[in-house]
PDB file of N, CA and C in Angstrom:
ATOM      1  N   MET A   1      68.045 -41.654 110.341  1.00  0.00           N
ATOM      2  CA  MET A   1      67.650 -41.558 111.727  1.00  0.00           C
ATOM      3  C   MET A   1      67.320 -42.931 112.306  1.00  0.00           C
ATOM      4  N   SER A   2      66.784 -43.816 111.473  1.00  0.00           N
ATOM      5  CA  SER A   2      66.429 -45.129 112.005  1.00  0.00           C
ATOM      6  C   SER A   2      67.675 -45.913 112.425  1.00  0.00           C
ATOM      7  N   LYS A   3      68.778 -45.746 111.699  1.00  0.00           N
ATOM      8  CA  LYS A   3      70.026 -46.434 112.072  1.00  0.00           C
ATOM      9  C   LYS A   3      70.549 -45.893 113.394  1.00  0.00           C
ATOM     10  N   ILE A   4      70.450 -44.589 113.587  1.00  0.00           N
ATOM     11  CA  ILE A   4      70.906 -43.995 114.847  1.00  0.00           C
ATOM     12  C   ILE A   4      70.070 -44.525 116.001  1.00  0.00           C
ATOM     13  N   THR A   5      68.764 -44.574 115.816  1.00  0.00           N
ATOM     14  CA  THR A   5      67.876 -45.108 116.846  1.00  0.00           C
ATOM     15  C   THR A   5      68.214 -46.567 117.143  1.00  0.00           C
ATOM     16  N   GLU A   6      68.478 -47.325 116.089  1.00  0.00           N
ATOM     17  CA  GLU A   6      68.842 -48.740 116.259  1.00  0.00           C
ATOM     18  C   GLU A   6      70.127 -48.888 117.070  1.00  0.00           C
ATOM     19  N   VAL A   7      71.134 -48.090 116.737  1.00  0.00           N
ATOM     20  CA  VAL A   7      72.419 -48.188 117.441  1.00  0.00           C
ATOM     21  C   VAL A   7      72.284 -47.698 118.876  1.00  0.00           C
ATOM     22  N   GLU A   8      71.517 -46.635 119.104  1.00  0.00           N
ATOM     23  CA  GLU A   8      71.295 -46.171 120.475  1.00  0.00           C
ATOM     24  C   GLU A   8      70.643 -47.262 121.311  1.00  0.00           C
ATOM     25  N   SER A   9      69.685 -47.943 120.737  1.00  0.00           N
ATOM     26  CA  SER A   9      69.017 -49.031 121.439  1.00  0.00           C
ATOM     27  C   SER A   9      70.012 -50.154 121.747  1.00  0.00           C
ATOM     28  N   TRP A  10      70.840 -50.476 120.761  1.00  0.00           N
ATOM     29  CA  TRP A  10      71.849 -51.524 120.957  1.00  0.00           C
ATOM     30  C   TRP A  10      72.800 -51.149 122.092  1.00  0.00           C
ATOM     31  N   ILE A  11      73.240 -49.890 122.089  1.00  0.00           N
ATOM     32  CA  ILE A  11      74.172 -49.436 123.129  1.00  0.00           C
ATOM     33  C   ILE A  11      73.520 -49.551 124.500  1.00  0.00           C
ATOM     34  N   SER A  12      72.260 -49.150 124.600  1.00  0.00           N
ATOM     35  CA  SER A  12      71.552 -49.210 125.884  1.00  0.00           C
ATOM     36  C   SER A  12      71.456 -50.631 126.425  1.00  0.00           C
ATOM     37  N   SER A  13      71.299 -51.588 125.532  1.00  0.00           N
ATOM     38  CA  SER A  13      71.125 -52.962 125.992  1.00  0.00           C
ATOM     39  C   SER A  13      72.415 -53.776 125.962  1.00  0.00           C
ATOM     40  N   ASN A  14      73.525 -53.171 125.557  1.00  0.00           N
ATOM     41  CA  ASN A  14      74.794 -53.894 125.482  1.00  0.00           C
ATOM     42  C   ASN A  14      75.936 -53.093 126.113  1.00  0.00           C
ATOM     43  N   GLN A  15      75.690 -52.545 127.272  1.00  0.00           N
ATOM     44  CA  GLN A  15      76.688 -51.687 127.903  1.00  0.00           C
ATOM     45  C   GLN A  15      77.932 -52.434 128.369  1.00  0.00           C
ATOM     46  N   ASP A  16      77.869 -53.726 128.447  1.00  0.00           N
ATOM     47  CA  ASP A  16      79.022 -54.505 128.877  1.00  0.00           C
ATOM     48  C   ASP A  16      79.799 -55.112 127.712  1.00  0.00           C
ATOM     49  N   SER A  17      79.487 -54.681 126.501  1.00  0.00           N
ATOM     50  CA  SER A  17      80.154 -55.228 125.313  1.00  0.00           C
ATOM     51  C   SER A  17      81.599 -54.757 125.214  1.00  0.00           C
ATOM     52  N   GLU A  18      82.348 -55.455 124.404  1.00  0.00           N
ATOM     53  CA  GLU A  18      83.751 -55.130 124.174  1.00  0.00           C
ATOM     54  C   GLU A  18      83.878 -53.886 123.300  1.00  0.00           C
ATOM     55  N   ALA A  19      85.025 -53.237 123.359  1.00  0.00           N
ATOM     56  CA  ALA A  19      85.295 -52.036 122.568  1.00  0.00           C
ATOM     57  C   ALA A  19      85.131 -52.312 121.075  1.00  0.00           C
ATOM     58  N   GLU A  20      85.523 -53.498 120.637  1.00  0.00           N
ATOM     59  CA  GLU A  20      85.414 -53.845 119.218  1.00  0.00           C
ATOM     60  C   GLU A  20      83.964 -53.821 118.745  1.00  0.00           C
ATOM     61  N   ASP A  21      83.054 -54.234 119.625  1.00  0.00           N
ATOM     62  CA  ASP A  21      81.637 -54.223 119.274  1.00  0.00           C
ATOM     63  C   ASP A  21      81.145 -52.789 119.073  1.00  0.00           C
ATOM     64  N   TYR A  22      81.571 -51.902 119.973  1.00  0.00           N
ATOM     65  CA  TYR A  22      81.192 -50.493 119.848  1.00  0.00           C
ATOM     66  C   TYR A  22      81.792 -49.882 118.584  1.00  0.00           C
ATOM     67  N   GLU A  23      83.026 -50.241 118.287  1.00  0.00           N
ATOM     68  CA  GLU A  23      83.672 -49.727 117.078  1.00  0.00           C
ATOM     69  C   GLU A  23      82.929 -50.188 115.825  1.00  0.00           C
ATOM     70  N   GLY A  24      82.433 -51.401 115.838  1.00  0.00           N
ATOM     71  CA  GLY A  24      81.656 -51.904 114.714  1.00  0.00           C
ATOM     72  C   GLY A  24      80.374 -51.100 114.517  1.00  0.00           C
ATOM     73  N   LYS A  25      79.715 -50.757 115.620  1.00  0.00           N
ATOM     74  CA  LYS A  25      78.504 -49.937 115.534  1.00  0.00           C
ATOM     75  C   LYS A  25      78.839 -48.532 115.041  1.00  0.00           C
ATOM     76  N   GLN A  26      79.972 -48.008 115.485  1.00  0.00           N
ATOM     77  CA  GLN A  26      80.408 -46.686 115.018  1.00  0.00           C
ATOM     78  C   GLN A  26      80.615 -46.709 113.500  1.00  0.00           C
ATOM     79  N   LYS A  27      81.234 -47.767 113.008  1.00  0.00           N
ATOM     80  CA  LYS A  27      81.467 -47.884 111.570  1.00  0.00           C
ATOM     81  C   LYS A  27      80.154 -47.977 110.788  1.00  0.00           C
ATOM     82  N   GLU A  28      79.164 -48.641 111.353  1.00  0.00           N
ATOM     83  CA  GLU A  28      77.854 -48.707 110.702  1.00  0.00           C
ATOM     84  C   GLU A  28      77.279 -47.310 110.499  1.00  0.00           C
ATOM     85  N   ILE A  29      77.363 -46.498 111.533  1.00  0.00           N
ATOM     86  CA  ILE A  29      76.842 -45.137 111.440  1.00  0.00           C
ATOM     87  C   ILE A  29      77.679 -44.310 110.473  1.00  0.00           C
ATOM     88  N   GLU A  30      78.994 -44.485 110.515  1.00  0.00           N
ATOM     89  CA  GLU A  30      79.863 -43.716 109.616  1.00  0.00           C
ATOM     90  C   GLU A  30      79.583 -44.026 108.151  1.00  0.00           C
ATOM     91  N   ARG A  31      79.234 -45.277 107.849  1.00  0.00           N
ATOM     92  CA  ARG A  31      78.913 -45.638 106.451  1.00  0.00           C
ATOM     93  C   ARG A  31      77.728 -44.830 105.936  1.00  0.00           C
ATOM     94  N   ILE A  32      76.831 -44.474 106.816  1.00  0.00           N
ATOM     95  CA  ILE A  32      75.672 -43.675 106.426  1.00  0.00           C
ATOM     96  C   ILE A  32      75.997 -42.181 106.494  1.00  0.00           C
ATOM     97  N   TYR A  33      76.662 -41.782 107.554  1.00  0.00           N
ATOM     98  CA  TYR A  33      76.890 -40.367 107.839  1.00  0.00           C
ATOM     99  C   TYR A  33      77.971 -39.749 106.949  1.00  0.00           C
ATOM    100  N   ASN A  34      79.028 -40.471 106.658  1.00  0.00           N
ATOM    101  CA  ASN A  34      80.134 -39.902 105.885  1.00  0.00           C
ATOM    102  C   ASN A  34      79.723 -39.402 104.505  1.00  0.00           C
ATOM    103  N   PRO A  35      78.917 -40.129 103.737  1.00  0.00           N
ATOM    104  CA  PRO A  35      78.495 -39.572 102.438  1.00  0.00           C
ATOM    105  C   PRO A  35      77.698 -38.272 102.588  1.00  0.00           C
ATOM    106  N   ILE A  36      76.927 -38.168 103.645  1.00  0.00           N
ATOM    107  CA  ILE A  36      76.181 -36.934 103.899  1.00  0.00           C
ATOM    108  C   ILE A  36      77.155 -35.792 104.157  1.00  0.00           C
ATOM    109  N   MET A  37      78.173 -36.058 104.963  1.00  0.00           N
ATOM    110  CA  MET A  37      79.150 -35.020 105.264  1.00  0.00           C
ATOM    111  C   MET A  37      79.977 -34.658 104.036  1.00  0.00           C
ATOM    112  N   GLN A  38      80.253 -35.615 103.170  1.00  0.00           N
ATOM    113  CA  GLN A  38      80.969 -35.306 101.933  1.00  0.00           C
ATOM    114  C   GLN A  38      80.164 -34.336 101.081  1.00  0.00           C
ATOM    115  N   LYS A  39      78.860 -34.518 101.035  1.00  0.00           N
ATOM    116  CA  LYS A  39      78.012 -33.579 100.295  1.00  0.00           C
ATOM    117  C   LYS A  39      78.037 -32.204 100.959  1.00  0.00           C
ATOM    118  N   ALA A  40      78.111 -32.183 102.285  1.00  0.00           N
ATOM    119  CA  ALA A  40      78.206 -30.904 102.992  1.00  0.00           C
ATOM    120  C   ALA A  40      79.511 -30.204 102.634  1.00  0.00           C
ATOM    121  N   TYR A  41      80.614 -30.964 102.553  1.00  0.00           N
ATOM    122  CA  TYR A  41      81.898 -30.390 102.136  1.00  0.00           C
ATOM    123  C   TYR A  41      81.769 -29.785 100.744  1.00  0.00           C
ATOM    124  N   GLN A  42      81.155 -30.513  99.842  1.00  0.00           N
ATOM    125  CA  GLN A  42      80.993 -30.038  98.471  1.00  0.00           C
ATOM    126  C   GLN A  42      80.134 -28.789  98.436  1.00  0.00           C
ATOM    127  N   GLY A  43      79.071 -28.767  99.208  1.00  0.00           N
ATOM    128  CA  GLY A  43      78.201 -27.602  99.266  1.00  0.00           C
ATOM    129  C   GLY A  43      78.897 -26.397  99.860  1.00  0.00           C
ATOM    130  N   ALA A  44      79.843 -26.646 100.766  1.00  0.00           N
ATOM    131  CA  ALA A  44      80.570 -25.552 101.393  1.00  0.00           C
ATOM    132  C   ALA A  44      81.449 -24.840 100.380  1.00  0.00           C
ATOM    133  N   GLY A  45      81.943 -25.564  99.415  1.00  0.00           N
ATOM    134  CA  GLY A  45      82.770 -24.955  98.387  1.00  0.00           C
ATOM    135  C   GLY A  45      81.976 -24.029  97.493  1.00  0.00           C
ATOM    136  N   GLN A  46      80.667 -24.153  97.527  1.00  0.00           N
ATOM    137  CA  GLN A  46      79.798 -23.322  96.707  1.00  0.00           C
ATOM    138  C   GLN A  46      79.173 -22.209  97.540  1.00  0.00           C
ATOM    139  N   GLY A  47      79.726 -21.940  98.695  1.00  0.00           N
ATOM    140  CA  GLY A  47      79.143 -20.936  99.584  1.00  0.00           C
ATOM    141  C   GLY A  47      78.239 -21.628 100.579  1.00  0.00           C
ATOM    142  N   GLY A  48      77.707 -20.895 101.495  1.00  0.00           N
ATOM    143  CA  GLY A  48      76.832 -21.493 102.496  1.00  0.00           C
ATOM    144  C   GLY A  48      77.603 -21.882 103.734  1.00  0.00           C
ATOM    145  N   CYS A  49      76.930 -22.477 104.678  1.00  0.00           N
ATOM    146  CA  CYS A  49      77.534 -22.783 105.973  1.00  0.00           C
ATOM    147  C   CYS A  49      77.946 -24.244 106.087  1.00  0.00           C
ATOM    148  N   GLY A  50      77.934 -24.982 105.018  1.00  0.00           N
ATOM    149  CA  GLY A  50      78.287 -26.392 105.073  1.00  0.00           C
ATOM    150  C   GLY A  50      79.677 -26.646 105.612  1.00  0.00           C
ATOM    151  N   GLN A  51      80.622 -25.753 105.318  1.00  0.00           N
ATOM    152  CA  GLN A  51      81.997 -25.939 105.782  1.00  0.00           C
ATOM    153  C   GLN A  51      82.083 -25.902 107.298  1.00  0.00           C
ATOM    154  N   GLU A  52      81.323 -25.024 107.924  1.00  0.00           N
ATOM    155  CA  GLU A  52      81.340 -24.945 109.385  1.00  0.00           C
ATOM    156  C   GLU A  52      80.937 -26.277 110.003  1.00  0.00           C
ATOM    157  N   TYR A  53      79.858 -26.877 109.498  1.00  0.00           N
ATOM    158  CA  TYR A  53      79.402 -28.166 110.012  1.00  0.00           C
ATOM    159  C   TYR A  53      80.383 -29.272 109.666  1.00  0.00           C
ATOM    160  N   ALA A  54      80.960 -29.218 108.487  1.00  0.00           N
ATOM    161  CA  ALA A  54      81.935 -30.224 108.080  1.00  0.00           C
ATOM    162  C   ALA A  54      83.161 -30.170 108.984  1.00  0.00           C
ATOM    163  N   ASN A  55      83.626 -28.966 109.285  1.00  0.00           N
ATOM    164  CA  ASN A  55      84.781 -28.825 110.172  1.00  0.00           C
ATOM    165  C   ASN A  55      84.462 -29.341 111.566  1.00  0.00           C
ATOM    166  N   GLN A  56      83.284 -29.040 112.053  1.00  0.00           N
ATOM    167  CA  GLN A  56      82.869 -29.512 113.367  1.00  0.00           C
ATOM    168  C   GLN A  56      82.845 -31.037 113.402  1.00  0.00           C
ATOM    169  N   TYR A  57      82.276 -31.662 112.353  1.00  0.00           N
ATOM    170  CA  TYR A  57      82.236 -33.119 112.282  1.00  0.00           C
ATOM    171  C   TYR A  57      83.640 -33.697 112.272  1.00  0.00           C
ATOM    172  N   GLN A  58      84.516 -33.122 111.451  1.00  0.00           N
ATOM    173  CA  GLN A  58      85.864 -33.653 111.336  1.00  0.00           C
ATOM    174  C   GLN A  58      86.602 -33.545 112.663  1.00  0.00           C
ATOM    175  N   ASN A  59      86.448 -32.427 113.367  1.00  0.00           N
ATOM    176  CA  ASN A  59      87.106 -32.267 114.661  1.00  0.00           C
ATOM    177  C   ASN A  59      86.601 -33.284 115.665  1.00  0.00           C
ATOM    178  N   GLN A  60      85.295 -33.539 115.676  1.00  0.00           N
ATOM    179  CA  GLN A  60      84.736 -34.529 116.589  1.00  0.00           C
ATOM    180  C   GLN A  60      85.187 -35.932 116.218  1.00  0.00           C
ATOM    181  N   ASN A  61      85.231 -36.222 114.925  1.00  0.00           N
ATOM    182  CA  ASN A  61      85.601 -37.546 114.466  1.00  0.00           C
ATOM    183  C   ASN A  61      87.070 -37.857 114.773  1.00  0.00           C
ATOM    184  N   GLN A  62      87.936 -36.863 114.704  1.00  0.00           N
ATOM    185  CA  GLN A  62      89.351 -37.061 114.997  1.00  0.00           C
ATOM    186  C   GLN A  62      89.589 -37.274 116.480  1.00  0.00           C
ATOM    187  N   ALA A  63      88.688 -36.771 117.302  1.00  0.00           N
ATOM    188  CA  ALA A  63      88.852 -36.918 118.754  1.00  0.00           C
ATOM    189  C   ALA A  63      88.631 -38.355 119.189  1.00  0.00           C
ATOM    190  N   GLY A  64      87.943 -39.135 118.390  1.00  0.00           N
ATOM    191  CA  GLY A  64      87.683 -40.525 118.729  1.00  0.00           C
ATOM    192  C   GLY A  64      86.491 -40.649 119.648  1.00  0.00           C
ATOM    193  N   PRO A  65      86.134 -41.857 120.003  1.00  0.00           N
ATOM    194  CA  PRO A  65      84.969 -42.074 120.854  1.00  0.00           C
ATOM    195  C   PRO A  65      85.211 -41.559 122.264  1.00  0.00           C
ATOM    196  N   SER A  66      84.166 -41.119 122.920  1.00  0.00           N
ATOM    197  CA  SER A  66      84.294 -40.662 124.289  1.00  0.00           C
ATOM    198  C   SER A  66      83.517 -41.596 125.191  1.00  0.00           C
ATOM    199  N   ALA A  67      83.745 -41.473 126.470  1.00  0.00           N
ATOM    200  CA  ALA A  67      83.086 -42.331 127.449  1.00  0.00           C
ATOM    201  C   ALA A  67      81.899 -41.623 128.079  1.00  0.00           C
ATOM    202  N   ASP A  68      81.391 -40.578 127.455  1.00  0.00           N
ATOM    203  CA  ASP A  68      80.249 -39.823 128.004  1.00  0.00           C
ATOM    204  C   ASP A  68      79.020 -40.650 128.086  1.00  0.00           C
TER     205      ASP A  68
END
């Protein structure tokens, strides 16, 4: 959560940055988030609702960044 807060703060204060800068911040979060999602995938194979969340993450991740 602290990394997310850090990146949100960076985004708020760097709204005029280049796309490459934003992509770098996205990669920072993915380095933390992806292992968590991999565990969710593994847990989904053992039953439970992990697959639903994993599928949702994958669909969002494939869509790419949005301008929201």
